[in-house]
Amino acid sequence: MDLNDLRIAVMIVSFALFLGILAWAWSARRRKSFDEAARYPFLDEQRGAEPNGDKR
């Protein structure tokens, strides 16, 4: 096994990991929690308070 074979193996493993993360992120089971997390910044603005509890 030479260096090029090792590079190919690392590339294939990395690509498979990328596809796994992509499938996880786009899965229908995760959509609800991701949509909820996307609304977090707007919830703070609606409350009108700083993170430490002080009003603006």
N, C-alpha and C. Protein backbone atom coordinates (compact mmCIF):
# COMPACT_ATOMS: atom_id res chain seq x y z
N MET A 1 0.86 -1.17 0.00
CA MET A 1 0.00 0.00 0.00
C MET A 1 0.90 1.24 0.00
N ASP A 2 0.71 2.08 -0.98
CA ASP A 2 1.52 3.28 -1.03
C ASP A 2 0.69 4.48 -0.56
N LEU A 3 1.27 5.65 -0.64
CA LEU A 3 0.65 6.87 -0.12
C LEU A 3 -0.63 7.22 -0.87
N ASN A 4 -0.67 6.97 -2.16
CA ASN A 4 -1.87 7.29 -2.94
C ASN A 4 -3.06 6.42 -2.52
N ASP A 5 -2.82 5.15 -2.18
CA ASP A 5 -3.89 4.29 -1.70
C ASP A 5 -4.45 4.81 -0.37
N LEU A 6 -3.58 5.28 0.49
CA LEU A 6 -4.01 5.85 1.76
C LEU A 6 -4.84 7.12 1.54
N ARG A 7 -4.40 7.96 0.61
CA ARG A 7 -5.14 9.18 0.29
C ARG A 7 -6.54 8.84 -0.25
N ILE A 8 -6.63 7.84 -1.10
CA ILE A 8 -7.92 7.42 -1.65
C ILE A 8 -8.82 6.90 -0.54
N ALA A 9 -8.27 6.10 0.36
CA ALA A 9 -9.06 5.56 1.47
C ALA A 9 -9.58 6.67 2.36
N VAL A 10 -8.75 7.65 2.67
CA VAL A 10 -9.18 8.78 3.51
C VAL A 10 -10.24 9.59 2.78
N MET A 11 -10.11 9.78 1.49
CA MET A 11 -11.10 10.53 0.73
C MET A 11 -12.45 9.80 0.72
N ILE A 12 -12.44 8.51 0.56
CA ILE A 12 -13.68 7.73 0.53
C ILE A 12 -14.36 7.75 1.90
N VAL A 13 -13.60 7.59 2.95
CA VAL A 13 -14.17 7.65 4.30
C VAL A 13 -14.72 9.04 4.58
N SER A 14 -14.01 10.08 4.20
CA SER A 14 -14.48 11.45 4.42
C SER A 14 -15.76 11.73 3.63
N PHE A 15 -15.82 11.25 2.40
CA PHE A 15 -17.01 11.45 1.58
C PHE A 15 -18.21 10.70 2.17
N ALA A 16 -17.99 9.49 2.66
CA ALA A 16 -19.06 8.73 3.28
C ALA A 16 -19.56 9.43 4.55
N LEU A 17 -18.64 9.99 5.32
CA LEU A 17 -19.02 10.75 6.51
C LEU A 17 -19.82 11.99 6.13
N PHE A 18 -19.40 12.68 5.09
CA PHE A 18 -20.13 13.84 4.60
C PHE A 18 -21.55 13.46 4.18
N LEU A 19 -21.70 12.37 3.44
CA LEU A 19 -23.03 11.94 3.03
C LEU A 19 -23.88 11.53 4.22
N GLY A 20 -23.29 10.94 5.22
CA GLY A 20 -24.02 10.58 6.44
C GLY A 20 -24.52 11.81 7.18
N ILE A 21 -23.68 12.82 7.31
CA ILE A 21 -24.09 14.06 7.97
C ILE A 21 -25.16 14.75 7.16
N LEU A 22 -25.04 14.74 5.86
CA LEU A 22 -26.05 15.34 4.99
C LEU A 22 -27.39 14.64 5.14
N ALA A 23 -27.39 13.32 5.17
CA ALA A 23 -28.63 12.56 5.34
C ALA A 23 -29.24 12.84 6.71
N TRP A 24 -28.41 12.93 7.74
CA TRP A 24 -28.90 13.22 9.09
C TRP A 24 -29.54 14.60 9.15
N ALA A 25 -28.89 15.59 8.54
CA ALA A 25 -29.40 16.96 8.60
C ALA A 25 -30.70 17.13 7.82
N TRP A 26 -30.89 16.39 6.76
CA TRP A 26 -32.09 16.52 5.93
C TRP A 26 -33.16 15.50 6.26
N SER A 27 -32.97 14.69 7.30
CA SER A 27 -33.97 13.67 7.61
C SER A 27 -35.24 14.33 8.16
N ALA A 28 -36.35 13.72 7.87
CA ALA A 28 -37.64 14.27 8.28
C ALA A 28 -37.80 14.25 9.80
N ARG A 29 -37.16 13.33 10.48
CA ARG A 29 -37.28 13.26 11.94
C ARG A 29 -36.62 14.46 12.62
N ARG A 30 -35.62 15.04 12.00
CA ARG A 30 -34.88 16.16 12.61
C ARG A 30 -35.47 17.52 12.25
N ARG A 31 -36.39 17.57 11.30
CA ARG A 31 -36.92 18.84 10.79
C ARG A 31 -37.55 19.68 11.90
N LYS A 32 -38.34 19.07 12.77
CA LYS A 32 -39.03 19.82 13.83
C LYS A 32 -38.03 20.49 14.78
N SER A 33 -37.01 19.76 15.20
CA SER A 33 -36.03 20.35 16.12
C SER A 33 -35.18 21.41 15.44
N PHE A 34 -34.86 21.24 14.16
CA PHE A 34 -34.10 22.26 13.45
C PHE A 34 -34.93 23.51 13.22
N ASP A 35 -36.23 23.35 12.91
CA ASP A 35 -37.09 24.52 12.75
C ASP A 35 -37.23 25.28 14.07
N GLU A 36 -37.34 24.55 15.16
CA GLU A 36 -37.43 25.19 16.47
C GLU A 36 -36.13 25.94 16.81
N ALA A 37 -35.00 25.34 16.52
CA ALA A 37 -33.72 25.99 16.78
C ALA A 37 -33.53 27.22 15.91
N ALA A 38 -34.09 27.21 14.70
CA ALA A 38 -33.98 28.36 13.81
C ALA A 38 -34.78 29.56 14.32
N ARG A 39 -35.79 29.31 15.14
CA ARG A 39 -36.61 30.40 15.67
C ARG A 39 -36.06 30.99 16.96
N TYR A 40 -35.06 30.39 17.60
CA TYR A 40 -34.53 30.88 18.87
C TYR A 40 -34.10 32.35 18.85
N PRO A 41 -33.37 32.82 17.86
CA PRO A 41 -32.95 34.23 17.88
C PRO A 41 -34.14 35.20 17.87
N PHE A 42 -35.22 34.82 17.21
CA PHE A 42 -36.38 35.70 17.12
C PHE A 42 -37.19 35.69 18.41
N LEU A 43 -37.12 34.61 19.16
CA LEU A 43 -37.85 34.55 20.43
C LEU A 43 -37.29 35.55 21.43
N ASP A 44 -35.97 35.74 21.46
CA ASP A 44 -35.37 36.72 22.35
C ASP A 44 -35.81 38.13 21.99
N GLU A 45 -35.92 38.44 20.71
CA GLU A 45 -36.35 39.77 20.30
C GLU A 45 -37.81 40.01 20.65
N GLN A 46 -38.63 38.98 20.60
CA GLN A 46 -40.04 39.14 20.92
C GLN A 46 -40.24 39.40 22.40
N ARG A 47 -39.42 38.81 23.25
CA ARG A 47 -39.53 39.02 24.69
C ARG A 47 -39.04 40.41 25.09
N GLY A 48 -38.13 40.97 24.31
CA GLY A 48 -37.62 42.30 24.58
C GLY A 48 -36.68 42.36 25.77
N ALA A 49 -36.00 41.31 26.06
CA ALA A 49 -35.09 41.29 27.21
C ALA A 49 -33.72 40.81 26.78
N GLU A 50 -32.73 41.28 27.48
CA GLU A 50 -31.37 40.81 27.27
C GLU A 50 -31.23 39.44 27.92
N PRO A 51 -30.19 38.68 27.57
CA PRO A 51 -30.01 37.34 28.16
C PRO A 51 -29.88 37.36 29.67
N ASN A 52 -29.39 38.47 30.25
CA ASN A 52 -29.23 38.52 31.70
C ASN A 52 -30.49 39.01 32.40
N GLY A 53 -31.57 39.23 31.67
CA GLY A 53 -32.84 39.61 32.28
C GLY A 53 -33.12 41.10 32.27
N ASP A 54 -32.16 41.95 31.86
CA ASP A 54 -32.39 43.39 31.83
C ASP A 54 -33.24 43.76 30.62
N LYS A 55 -34.12 44.74 30.83
CA LYS A 55 -34.93 45.23 29.71
C LYS A 55 -34.10 46.18 28.89
N ARG A 56 -34.41 46.28 27.60
CA ARG A 56 -33.69 47.18 26.71
C ARG A 56 -34.12 48.59 26.93
